[in-house]
Amino acid sequence: MIVTQSREMGEGPDGNKGEPASKAEPKSDSHAEHKEQKADQKAETKLEPTSARSEISEVAIAVDPEVAHFPHSGGKSEHMVVNFTKQRMAIKVRCGNNAVYRVDPVYMFIESGKCRNLIVTRLPGPAKQDKLILQYAECDEKMTDVKSVFKELEAAGKKISNIKVKLMATANAAKKVSREVIDE
């Protein structure tokens, strides 16, 4: 599949025909000033390489998407859990309504800078809003049992960090498409 962007051809900024016409450019006295302003804006929004973003990121773990939409009749939602830290992380997923939702996997390790899939399955049930809580903690490379990481933290009385994922079930939930290209 080829995705193309069409442009209207017209008279370009130099007065030459056959160049893309730019309709959205603001009118200014100096074309050089305008280019300089655009360069400044690009410099401000330029992203650093992934490794540099990870070093300065305040977020240790992220889930995408942060909200799962289901019809009340049930369904599945796939999520990506990403570790932005330089440490191996242990993850434990807790659900606010275990009668209707199933999560796979419940426990997992995520290596530094890596991601793992999380599948949430909803069984038929009443339409309402629930939540998943992903608890996470740093752990050693030597650890092989995820459950023991959380047992040790709870026994020591340490606070465990967490993030929430909203689970939305409605009577007539339409399947939402995000960040996907559909072939027609």
N, C-alpha and C. Protein backbone atom coordinates (compact mmCIF):
# COMPACT_ATOMS: atom_id res chain seq x y z
N MET A 1 0.84 -1.17 0.00
CA MET A 1 0.00 0.00 0.00
C MET A 1 0.89 1.23 0.00
N ILE A 2 0.54 2.21 -0.76
CA ILE A 2 1.28 3.46 -0.86
C ILE A 2 0.38 4.57 -0.36
N VAL A 3 0.89 5.33 0.61
CA VAL A 3 0.16 6.47 1.13
C VAL A 3 0.75 7.70 0.49
N THR A 4 -0.08 8.49 -0.13
CA THR A 4 0.41 9.70 -0.79
C THR A 4 -0.30 10.91 -0.24
N GLN A 5 0.36 12.03 -0.34
CA GLN A 5 -0.23 13.28 0.08
C GLN A 5 -0.31 14.16 -1.16
N SER A 6 -1.49 14.62 -1.48
CA SER A 6 -1.63 15.43 -2.68
C SER A 6 -1.49 16.90 -2.32
N ARG A 7 -0.86 17.64 -3.22
CA ARG A 7 -0.69 19.08 -3.04
C ARG A 7 -1.27 19.77 -4.26
N GLU A 8 -1.79 20.92 -4.04
CA GLU A 8 -2.30 21.70 -5.16
C GLU A 8 -1.12 22.42 -5.80
N MET A 9 -0.97 22.26 -7.09
CA MET A 9 0.13 22.89 -7.79
C MET A 9 -0.31 24.28 -8.23
N GLY A 10 0.54 25.22 -8.05
CA GLY A 10 0.21 26.58 -8.43
C GLY A 10 1.49 27.37 -8.55
N GLU A 11 1.40 28.63 -8.26
CA GLU A 11 2.56 29.48 -8.34
C GLU A 11 3.28 29.42 -7.01
N GLY A 12 4.55 29.09 -7.03
CA GLY A 12 5.35 28.96 -5.82
C GLY A 12 5.76 30.31 -5.28
N PRO A 13 6.54 30.31 -4.19
CA PRO A 13 6.96 31.56 -3.56
C PRO A 13 7.84 32.42 -4.46
N ASP A 14 8.55 31.79 -5.44
CA ASP A 14 9.40 32.56 -6.34
C ASP A 14 8.66 33.02 -7.58
N GLY A 15 7.38 32.68 -7.69
CA GLY A 15 6.60 33.05 -8.85
C GLY A 15 6.68 32.01 -9.95
N ASN A 16 7.38 30.89 -9.71
CA ASN A 16 7.50 29.83 -10.71
C ASN A 16 6.28 28.94 -10.67
N LYS A 17 5.77 28.60 -11.84
CA LYS A 17 4.62 27.70 -11.90
C LYS A 17 5.09 26.27 -11.75
N GLY A 18 4.18 25.41 -11.25
CA GLY A 18 4.50 24.00 -11.12
C GLY A 18 5.08 23.64 -9.77
N GLU A 19 5.26 24.62 -8.89
CA GLU A 19 5.73 24.35 -7.53
C GLU A 19 4.53 24.30 -6.61
N PRO A 20 4.64 23.59 -5.49
CA PRO A 20 3.51 23.53 -4.57
C PRO A 20 3.10 24.91 -4.10
N ALA A 21 1.82 25.17 -4.13
CA ALA A 21 1.29 26.44 -3.65
C ALA A 21 1.14 26.33 -2.14
N SER A 22 1.63 27.31 -1.42
CA SER A 22 1.48 27.26 0.04
C SER A 22 0.44 28.29 0.43
N LYS A 23 -0.68 27.79 0.88
CA LYS A 23 -1.79 28.67 1.24
C LYS A 23 -1.75 29.07 2.70
N ALA A 24 -1.11 28.25 3.55
CA ALA A 24 -1.18 28.47 4.98
C ALA A 24 -0.07 29.36 5.52
N GLU A 25 0.85 29.83 4.67
CA GLU A 25 1.94 30.64 5.16
C GLU A 25 1.44 32.02 5.55
N PRO A 26 1.87 32.49 6.71
CA PRO A 26 1.45 33.82 7.12
C PRO A 26 2.16 34.88 6.29
N LYS A 27 1.52 36.00 6.11
CA LYS A 27 2.09 37.09 5.34
C LYS A 27 3.05 37.86 6.23
N SER A 28 4.27 38.06 5.76
CA SER A 28 5.23 38.86 6.52
C SER A 28 6.02 39.71 5.54
N ASP A 29 6.70 40.71 6.08
CA ASP A 29 7.46 41.62 5.24
C ASP A 29 8.69 40.95 4.64
N SER A 30 9.26 40.06 5.39
CA SER A 30 10.50 39.45 4.93
C SER A 30 10.38 37.94 4.90
N HIS A 31 10.67 37.37 3.76
CA HIS A 31 10.62 35.91 3.62
C HIS A 31 11.70 35.27 4.49
N ALA A 32 12.85 35.92 4.65
CA ALA A 32 13.94 35.39 5.48
C ALA A 32 13.53 35.33 6.94
N GLU A 33 12.80 36.36 7.41
CA GLU A 33 12.31 36.35 8.80
C GLU A 33 11.39 35.16 9.03
N HIS A 34 10.54 34.91 8.05
CA HIS A 34 9.59 33.81 8.16
C HIS A 34 10.33 32.47 8.25
N LYS A 35 11.34 32.27 7.41
CA LYS A 35 12.12 31.04 7.45
C LYS A 35 12.84 30.90 8.78
N GLU A 36 13.35 31.98 9.31
CA GLU A 36 14.05 31.96 10.59
C GLU A 36 13.09 31.58 11.73
N GLN A 37 11.87 32.10 11.70
CA GLN A 37 10.87 31.76 12.71
C GLN A 37 10.53 30.28 12.65
N LYS A 38 10.36 29.74 11.42
CA LYS A 38 10.07 28.32 11.26
C LYS A 38 11.21 27.46 11.78
N ALA A 39 12.46 27.87 11.53
CA ALA A 39 13.62 27.12 12.00
C ALA A 39 13.66 27.10 13.53
N ASP A 40 13.33 28.25 14.15
CA ASP A 40 13.29 28.32 15.62
C ASP A 40 12.22 27.39 16.18
N GLN A 41 11.05 27.35 15.53
CA GLN A 41 9.97 26.48 15.99
C GLN A 41 10.38 25.02 15.87
N LYS A 42 11.03 24.63 14.77
CA LYS A 42 11.47 23.25 14.59
C LYS A 42 12.50 22.88 15.63
N ALA A 43 13.41 23.81 15.96
CA ALA A 43 14.45 23.53 16.95
C ALA A 43 13.83 23.28 18.32
N GLU A 44 12.75 24.01 18.64
CA GLU A 44 12.09 23.83 19.94
C GLU A 44 11.40 22.49 20.04
N THR A 45 10.81 22.01 18.96
CA THR A 45 10.02 20.78 19.01
C THR A 45 10.80 19.55 18.58
N LYS A 46 12.06 19.70 18.21
CA LYS A 46 12.86 18.57 17.74
C LYS A 46 13.04 17.56 18.87
N LEU A 47 12.79 16.29 18.58
CA LEU A 47 12.93 15.24 19.58
C LEU A 47 14.37 14.75 19.61
N GLU A 48 14.79 14.38 20.79
CA GLU A 48 16.12 13.82 20.95
C GLU A 48 16.06 12.34 20.63
N PRO A 49 17.21 11.72 20.41
CA PRO A 49 17.20 10.28 20.17
C PRO A 49 16.55 9.54 21.33
N THR A 50 16.04 8.35 21.07
CA THR A 50 15.31 7.58 22.07
C THR A 50 16.09 7.40 23.35
N SER A 51 17.37 7.08 23.26
CA SER A 51 18.17 6.84 24.46
C SER A 51 18.27 8.09 25.32
N ALA A 52 18.36 9.26 24.69
CA ALA A 52 18.44 10.51 25.45
C ALA A 52 17.10 10.80 26.11
N ARG A 53 15.99 10.53 25.41
CA ARG A 53 14.67 10.74 26.01
C ARG A 53 14.50 9.83 27.21
N SER A 54 14.98 8.60 27.14
CA SER A 54 14.83 7.66 28.23
C SER A 54 15.58 8.14 29.46
N GLU A 55 16.75 8.74 29.26
CA GLU A 55 17.53 9.20 30.40
C GLU A 55 16.83 10.34 31.13
N ILE A 56 16.14 11.21 30.41
CA ILE A 56 15.53 12.36 31.04
C ILE A 56 14.04 12.16 31.32
N SER A 57 13.49 11.05 30.91
CA SER A 57 12.07 10.81 31.07
C SER A 57 11.71 10.67 32.54
N GLU A 58 10.63 11.31 32.95
CA GLU A 58 10.15 11.17 34.32
C GLU A 58 9.25 9.96 34.46
N VAL A 59 8.81 9.38 33.35
CA VAL A 59 7.93 8.23 33.35
C VAL A 59 8.77 6.97 33.33
N ALA A 60 8.56 6.08 34.29
CA ALA A 60 9.30 4.84 34.33
C ALA A 60 8.63 3.80 33.42
N ILE A 61 7.32 3.66 33.56
CA ILE A 61 6.54 2.69 32.80
C ILE A 61 5.38 3.42 32.13
N ALA A 62 5.09 3.06 30.89
CA ALA A 62 3.95 3.65 30.18
C ALA A 62 3.12 2.54 29.56
N VAL A 63 1.81 2.78 29.43
CA VAL A 63 0.89 1.83 28.81
C VAL A 63 0.21 2.55 27.65
N ASP A 64 0.17 1.88 26.50
CA ASP A 64 -0.48 2.46 25.33
C ASP A 64 -1.41 1.43 24.73
N PRO A 65 -2.67 1.71 24.54
CA PRO A 65 -3.40 2.91 24.93
C PRO A 65 -3.71 2.91 26.43
N GLU A 66 -3.98 4.08 26.96
CA GLU A 66 -4.24 4.24 28.38
C GLU A 66 -5.70 3.96 28.74
N VAL A 67 -6.56 3.83 27.74
CA VAL A 67 -7.98 3.54 27.95
C VAL A 67 -8.39 2.40 27.03
N ALA A 68 -9.13 1.43 27.58
CA ALA A 68 -9.63 0.32 26.78
C ALA A 68 -11.15 0.45 26.67
N HIS A 69 -11.67 0.36 25.45
CA HIS A 69 -13.11 0.46 25.20
C HIS A 69 -13.65 -0.91 24.82
N PHE A 70 -14.74 -1.31 25.48
CA PHE A 70 -15.37 -2.60 25.22
C PHE A 70 -16.87 -2.43 25.07
N PRO A 71 -17.51 -3.27 24.25
CA PRO A 71 -18.97 -3.33 24.29
C PRO A 71 -19.37 -4.15 25.53
N HIS A 72 -20.57 -3.98 26.02
CA HIS A 72 -20.99 -4.70 27.22
C HIS A 72 -21.04 -6.21 26.97
N SER A 73 -21.05 -6.62 25.70
CA SER A 73 -21.09 -8.04 25.36
C SER A 73 -19.72 -8.70 25.45
N GLY A 74 -18.66 -7.93 25.67
CA GLY A 74 -17.32 -8.48 25.83
C GLY A 74 -16.41 -8.18 24.66
N GLY A 75 -15.14 -8.53 24.80
CA GLY A 75 -14.17 -8.30 23.74
C GLY A 75 -12.76 -8.33 24.28
N LYS A 76 -11.78 -7.99 23.43
CA LYS A 76 -10.37 -7.97 23.80
C LYS A 76 -9.76 -6.61 23.49
N SER A 77 -8.75 -6.27 24.27
CA SER A 77 -7.99 -5.05 24.04
C SER A 77 -6.53 -5.36 24.27
N GLU A 78 -5.68 -4.98 23.31
CA GLU A 78 -4.24 -5.20 23.43
C GLU A 78 -3.56 -3.89 23.80
N HIS A 79 -2.64 -3.99 24.73
CA HIS A 79 -1.91 -2.82 25.21
C HIS A 79 -0.42 -3.11 25.18
N MET A 80 0.38 -2.07 25.05
CA MET A 80 1.82 -2.20 25.07
C MET A 80 2.33 -1.55 26.35
N VAL A 81 3.11 -2.28 27.12
CA VAL A 81 3.71 -1.77 28.35
C VAL A 81 5.19 -1.53 28.05
N VAL A 82 5.65 -0.30 28.25
CA VAL A 82 7.01 0.09 27.87
C VAL A 82 7.81 0.50 29.11
N ASN A 83 9.04 0.00 29.21
CA ASN A 83 9.96 0.35 30.29
C ASN A 83 10.91 1.41 29.77
N PHE A 84 10.81 2.64 30.29
CA PHE A 84 11.66 3.74 29.86
C PHE A 84 12.91 3.91 30.73
N THR A 85 13.08 3.06 31.72
CA THR A 85 14.21 3.21 32.64
C THR A 85 15.43 2.44 32.16
N LYS A 86 16.52 2.56 32.91
CA LYS A 86 17.73 1.79 32.61
C LYS A 86 17.79 0.55 33.48
N GLN A 87 16.72 0.28 34.22
CA GLN A 87 16.66 -0.87 35.12
C GLN A 87 15.62 -1.88 34.63
N ARG A 88 15.83 -3.13 34.96
CA ARG A 88 14.83 -4.17 34.71
C ARG A 88 13.67 -3.92 35.66
N MET A 89 12.44 -4.06 35.18
CA MET A 89 11.26 -3.79 36.00
C MET A 89 10.40 -5.05 36.13
N ALA A 90 9.81 -5.20 37.31
CA ALA A 90 8.84 -6.25 37.56
C ALA A 90 7.46 -5.60 37.53
N ILE A 91 6.49 -6.24 36.89
CA ILE A 91 5.14 -5.69 36.74
C ILE A 91 4.14 -6.68 37.31
N LYS A 92 3.17 -6.14 38.04
CA LYS A 92 2.04 -6.93 38.55
C LYS A 92 0.78 -6.17 38.15
N VAL A 93 -0.16 -6.88 37.49
CA VAL A 93 -1.39 -6.24 37.03
C VAL A 93 -2.52 -6.63 37.97
N ARG A 94 -3.21 -5.62 38.48
CA ARG A 94 -4.36 -5.84 39.36
C ARG A 94 -5.58 -5.26 38.67
N CYS A 95 -6.72 -5.93 38.85
CA CYS A 95 -7.94 -5.50 38.20
C CYS A 95 -9.01 -5.16 39.23
N GLY A 96 -9.79 -4.13 38.93
CA GLY A 96 -10.86 -3.72 39.83
C GLY A 96 -12.10 -4.59 39.75
N ASN A 97 -12.22 -5.44 38.72
CA ASN A 97 -13.40 -6.29 38.56
C ASN A 97 -12.99 -7.62 37.93
N ASN A 98 -12.56 -8.56 38.76
CA ASN A 98 -12.10 -9.85 38.26
C ASN A 98 -13.23 -10.75 37.79
N ALA A 99 -14.47 -10.39 38.08
CA ALA A 99 -15.60 -11.19 37.63
C ALA A 99 -15.83 -11.02 36.13
N VAL A 100 -15.44 -9.87 35.58
CA VAL A 100 -15.72 -9.58 34.17
C VAL A 100 -14.44 -9.52 33.33
N TYR A 101 -13.30 -9.18 33.92
CA TYR A 101 -12.06 -8.99 33.16
C TYR A 101 -11.03 -10.08 33.45
N ARG A 102 -10.28 -10.42 32.41
CA ARG A 102 -9.15 -11.34 32.50
C ARG A 102 -7.94 -10.64 31.90
N VAL A 103 -6.78 -10.83 32.52
CA VAL A 103 -5.56 -10.16 32.08
C VAL A 103 -4.48 -11.21 31.82
N ASP A 104 -3.75 -11.05 30.72
CA ASP A 104 -2.66 -11.96 30.41
C ASP A 104 -1.48 -11.17 29.90
N PRO A 105 -0.33 -11.22 30.52
CA PRO A 105 0.03 -11.89 31.76
C PRO A 105 -0.28 -11.01 32.97
N VAL A 106 -0.41 -11.64 34.11
CA VAL A 106 -0.66 -10.91 35.36
C VAL A 106 0.67 -10.41 35.92
N TYR A 107 1.72 -11.22 35.83
CA TYR A 107 3.07 -10.85 36.27
C TYR A 107 4.01 -10.92 35.08
N MET A 108 4.97 -9.98 35.03
CA MET A 108 5.97 -10.01 33.95
C MET A 108 7.19 -9.19 34.32
N PHE A 109 8.30 -9.52 33.70
CA PHE A 109 9.51 -8.71 33.76
C PHE A 109 9.59 -7.95 32.44
N ILE A 110 10.09 -6.70 32.50
CA ILE A 110 10.36 -5.93 31.28
C ILE A 110 11.79 -5.41 31.41
N GLU A 111 12.60 -5.78 30.44
CA GLU A 111 13.99 -5.35 30.42
C GLU A 111 14.07 -3.84 30.12
N SER A 112 15.20 -3.25 30.42
CA SER A 112 15.43 -1.83 30.20
C SER A 112 15.22 -1.46 28.73
N GLY A 113 14.38 -0.44 28.48
CA GLY A 113 14.14 0.05 27.14
C GLY A 113 13.31 -0.87 26.26
N LYS A 114 12.69 -1.87 26.81
CA LYS A 114 11.91 -2.85 26.04
C LYS A 114 10.42 -2.68 26.33
N CYS A 115 9.60 -3.45 25.58
CA CYS A 115 8.16 -3.40 25.79
C CYS A 115 7.59 -4.82 25.75
N ARG A 116 6.42 -4.97 26.35
CA ARG A 116 5.72 -6.26 26.38
C ARG A 116 4.24 -6.00 26.10
N ASN A 117 3.58 -7.00 25.53
CA ASN A 117 2.14 -6.90 25.27
C ASN A 117 1.36 -7.31 26.50
N LEU A 118 0.20 -6.67 26.66
CA LEU A 118 -0.74 -6.99 27.72
C LEU A 118 -2.10 -7.12 27.06
N ILE A 119 -2.77 -8.25 27.30
CA ILE A 119 -4.08 -8.49 26.69
C ILE A 119 -5.13 -8.48 27.79
N VAL A 120 -6.14 -7.64 27.59
CA VAL A 120 -7.27 -7.55 28.53
C VAL A 120 -8.49 -8.10 27.82
N THR A 121 -9.12 -9.10 28.42
CA THR A 121 -10.31 -9.71 27.86
C THR A 121 -11.49 -9.37 28.76
N ARG A 122 -12.59 -8.91 28.15
CA ARG A 122 -13.80 -8.61 28.91
C ARG A 122 -14.86 -9.64 28.56
N LEU A 123 -15.45 -10.23 29.60
CA LEU A 123 -16.55 -11.16 29.43
C LEU A 123 -17.86 -10.37 29.40
N PRO A 124 -18.96 -10.95 28.91
CA PRO A 124 -20.24 -10.23 28.92
C PRO A 124 -20.62 -9.85 30.35
N GLY A 125 -21.14 -8.66 30.49
CA GLY A 125 -21.54 -8.17 31.81
C GLY A 125 -22.11 -6.77 31.70
N PRO A 126 -22.53 -6.22 32.82
CA PRO A 126 -23.14 -4.89 32.80
C PRO A 126 -22.14 -3.82 32.36
N ALA A 127 -22.64 -2.83 31.64
CA ALA A 127 -21.79 -1.75 31.14
C ALA A 127 -21.45 -0.80 32.28
N LYS A 128 -20.15 -0.64 32.52
CA LYS A 128 -19.68 0.32 33.53
C LYS A 128 -18.19 0.55 33.36
N GLN A 129 -17.66 1.50 34.11
CA GLN A 129 -16.25 1.82 34.03
C GLN A 129 -15.50 1.10 35.15
N ASP A 130 -14.38 0.48 34.80
CA ASP A 130 -13.52 -0.19 35.78
C ASP A 130 -12.09 0.29 35.54
N LYS A 131 -11.13 -0.34 36.23
CA LYS A 131 -9.73 0.06 36.03
C LYS A 131 -8.79 -1.10 36.26
N LEU A 132 -7.63 -1.00 35.60
CA LEU A 132 -6.50 -1.89 35.84
C LEU A 132 -5.46 -1.06 36.56
N ILE A 133 -4.75 -1.67 37.47
CA ILE A 133 -3.63 -1.01 38.12
C ILE A 133 -2.39 -1.83 37.84
N LEU A 134 -1.41 -1.22 37.21
CA LEU A 134 -0.13 -1.88 36.96
C LEU A 134 0.85 -1.41 38.01
N GLN A 135 1.24 -2.32 38.91
CA GLN A 135 2.24 -2.01 39.92
C GLN A 135 3.60 -2.36 39.33
N TYR A 136 4.60 -1.55 39.61
CA TYR A 136 5.92 -1.83 39.07
C TYR A 136 7.01 -1.49 40.07
N ALA A 137 8.13 -2.23 39.97
CA ALA A 137 9.26 -2.02 40.85
C ALA A 137 10.53 -2.45 40.14
N GLU A 138 11.63 -1.78 40.46
CA GLU A 138 12.93 -2.17 39.90
C GLU A 138 13.34 -3.51 40.51
N CYS A 139 14.06 -4.30 39.73
CA CYS A 139 14.54 -5.58 40.25
C CYS A 139 15.88 -5.93 39.60
N ASP A 140 16.59 -6.86 40.22
CA ASP A 140 17.89 -7.30 39.71
C ASP A 140 17.73 -8.22 38.51
N GLU A 141 18.79 -8.30 37.74
CA GLU A 141 18.81 -9.21 36.59
C GLU A 141 18.74 -10.66 37.05
N LYS A 142 19.17 -10.93 38.27
CA LYS A 142 19.23 -12.30 38.80
C LYS A 142 17.85 -12.83 39.19
N MET A 143 16.90 -11.94 39.42
CA MET A 143 15.56 -12.36 39.87
C MET A 143 14.88 -13.18 38.77
N THR A 144 14.27 -14.31 39.17
CA THR A 144 13.57 -15.15 38.20
C THR A 144 12.08 -15.28 38.52
N ASP A 145 11.68 -14.95 39.75
CA ASP A 145 10.29 -15.07 40.16
C ASP A 145 9.71 -13.68 40.40
N VAL A 146 8.79 -13.27 39.55
CA VAL A 146 8.21 -11.93 39.65
C VAL A 146 7.41 -11.78 40.94
N LYS A 147 6.66 -12.79 41.30
CA LYS A 147 5.83 -12.72 42.51
C LYS A 147 6.67 -12.43 43.74
N SER A 148 7.87 -13.02 43.82
CA SER A 148 8.72 -12.82 45.00
C SER A 148 9.16 -11.36 45.15
N VAL A 149 9.32 -10.65 44.03
CA VAL A 149 9.70 -9.24 44.08
C VAL A 149 8.64 -8.46 44.86
N PHE A 150 7.37 -8.68 44.53
CA PHE A 150 6.30 -7.94 45.18
C PHE A 150 6.06 -8.41 46.62
N LYS A 151 6.26 -9.70 46.88
CA LYS A 151 6.13 -10.21 48.25
C LYS A 151 7.17 -9.57 49.16
N GLU A 152 8.41 -9.44 48.66
CA GLU A 152 9.48 -8.81 49.44
C GLU A 152 9.16 -7.34 49.72
N LEU A 153 8.68 -6.63 48.71
CA LEU A 153 8.35 -5.21 48.89
C LEU A 153 7.21 -5.03 49.89
N GLU A 154 6.18 -5.87 49.79
CA GLU A 154 5.05 -5.77 50.71
C GLU A 154 5.47 -6.13 52.13
N ALA A 155 6.33 -7.15 52.28
CA ALA A 155 6.81 -7.55 53.61
C ALA A 155 7.66 -6.44 54.25
N ALA A 156 8.41 -5.72 53.43
CA ALA A 156 9.25 -4.63 53.93
C ALA A 156 8.44 -3.35 54.16
N GLY A 157 7.19 -3.34 53.72
CA GLY A 157 6.34 -2.17 53.90
C GLY A 157 6.67 -1.02 52.97
N LYS A 158 7.34 -1.32 51.87
CA LYS A 158 7.70 -0.27 50.91
C LYS A 158 6.53 0.05 50.00
N LYS A 159 6.46 1.32 49.61
CA LYS A 159 5.41 1.76 48.69
C LYS A 159 5.74 1.27 47.28
N ILE A 160 4.74 0.73 46.60
CA ILE A 160 4.92 0.23 45.24
C ILE A 160 4.29 1.23 44.27
N SER A 161 5.07 1.66 43.28
CA SER A 161 4.57 2.61 42.29
C SER A 161 3.55 1.94 41.39
N ASN A 162 2.63 2.75 40.84
CA ASN A 162 1.62 2.16 39.95
C ASN A 162 1.13 3.17 38.92
N ILE A 163 0.52 2.63 37.87
CA ILE A 163 -0.18 3.44 36.87
C ILE A 163 -1.53 2.79 36.62
N LYS A 164 -2.49 3.59 36.16
CA LYS A 164 -3.85 3.10 35.95
C LYS A 164 -4.22 3.09 34.49
N VAL A 165 -5.04 2.10 34.12
CA VAL A 165 -5.61 2.00 32.79
C VAL A 165 -7.12 1.96 32.97
N LYS A 166 -7.84 2.86 32.31
CA LYS A 166 -9.30 2.88 32.40
C LYS A 166 -9.88 1.79 31.50
N LEU A 167 -10.88 1.09 32.02
CA LEU A 167 -11.60 0.08 31.26
C LEU A 167 -13.03 0.58 31.10
N MET A 168 -13.40 0.94 29.88
CA MET A 168 -14.70 1.52 29.60
C MET A 168 -15.58 0.52 28.86
N ALA A 169 -16.70 0.15 29.46
CA ALA A 169 -17.66 -0.73 28.81
C ALA A 169 -18.98 0.02 28.68
N THR A 170 -19.50 0.07 27.47
CA THR A 170 -20.76 0.76 27.23
C THR A 170 -21.70 -0.15 26.46
N ALA A 171 -22.97 0.18 26.51
CA ALA A 171 -24.00 -0.64 25.86
C ALA A 171 -23.85 -0.64 24.35
N ASN A 172 -23.39 0.45 23.77
CA ASN A 172 -23.25 0.51 22.31
C ASN A 172 -21.88 1.05 21.93
N ALA A 173 -20.84 0.48 22.50
CA ALA A 173 -19.48 0.94 22.22
C ALA A 173 -19.08 0.55 20.81
N ALA A 174 -18.72 1.55 20.04
CA ALA A 174 -18.21 1.29 18.69
C ALA A 174 -16.72 1.05 18.81
N LYS A 175 -16.20 0.16 18.00
CA LYS A 175 -14.78 -0.12 18.03
C LYS A 175 -14.04 1.10 17.51
N LYS A 176 -13.13 1.63 18.32
CA LYS A 176 -12.38 2.81 17.94
C LYS A 176 -11.07 2.38 17.31
N VAL A 177 -10.72 3.04 16.22
CA VAL A 177 -9.47 2.74 15.54
C VAL A 177 -8.52 3.91 15.79
N SER A 178 -7.34 3.59 16.28
CA SER A 178 -6.36 4.64 16.49
C SER A 178 -5.02 4.19 15.95
N ARG A 179 -4.32 5.09 15.33
CA ARG A 179 -2.98 4.86 14.81
C ARG A 179 -2.88 3.66 13.88
N GLU A 180 -3.93 3.41 13.11
CA GLU A 180 -3.90 2.29 12.18
C GLU A 180 -4.22 2.80 10.78
N VAL A 181 -3.62 2.17 9.79
CA VAL A 181 -3.95 2.48 8.40
C VAL A 181 -4.75 1.31 7.88
N ILE A 182 -5.88 1.59 7.30
CA ILE A 182 -6.78 0.55 6.83
C ILE A 182 -6.72 0.51 5.31
N ASP A 183 -6.43 -0.68 4.77
CA ASP A 183 -6.43 -0.86 3.32
C ASP A 183 -7.85 -0.94 2.82
N GLU A 184 -8.15 -0.23 1.77
CA GLU A 184 -9.50 -0.30 1.19
C GLU A 184 -9.43 -0.78 -0.22
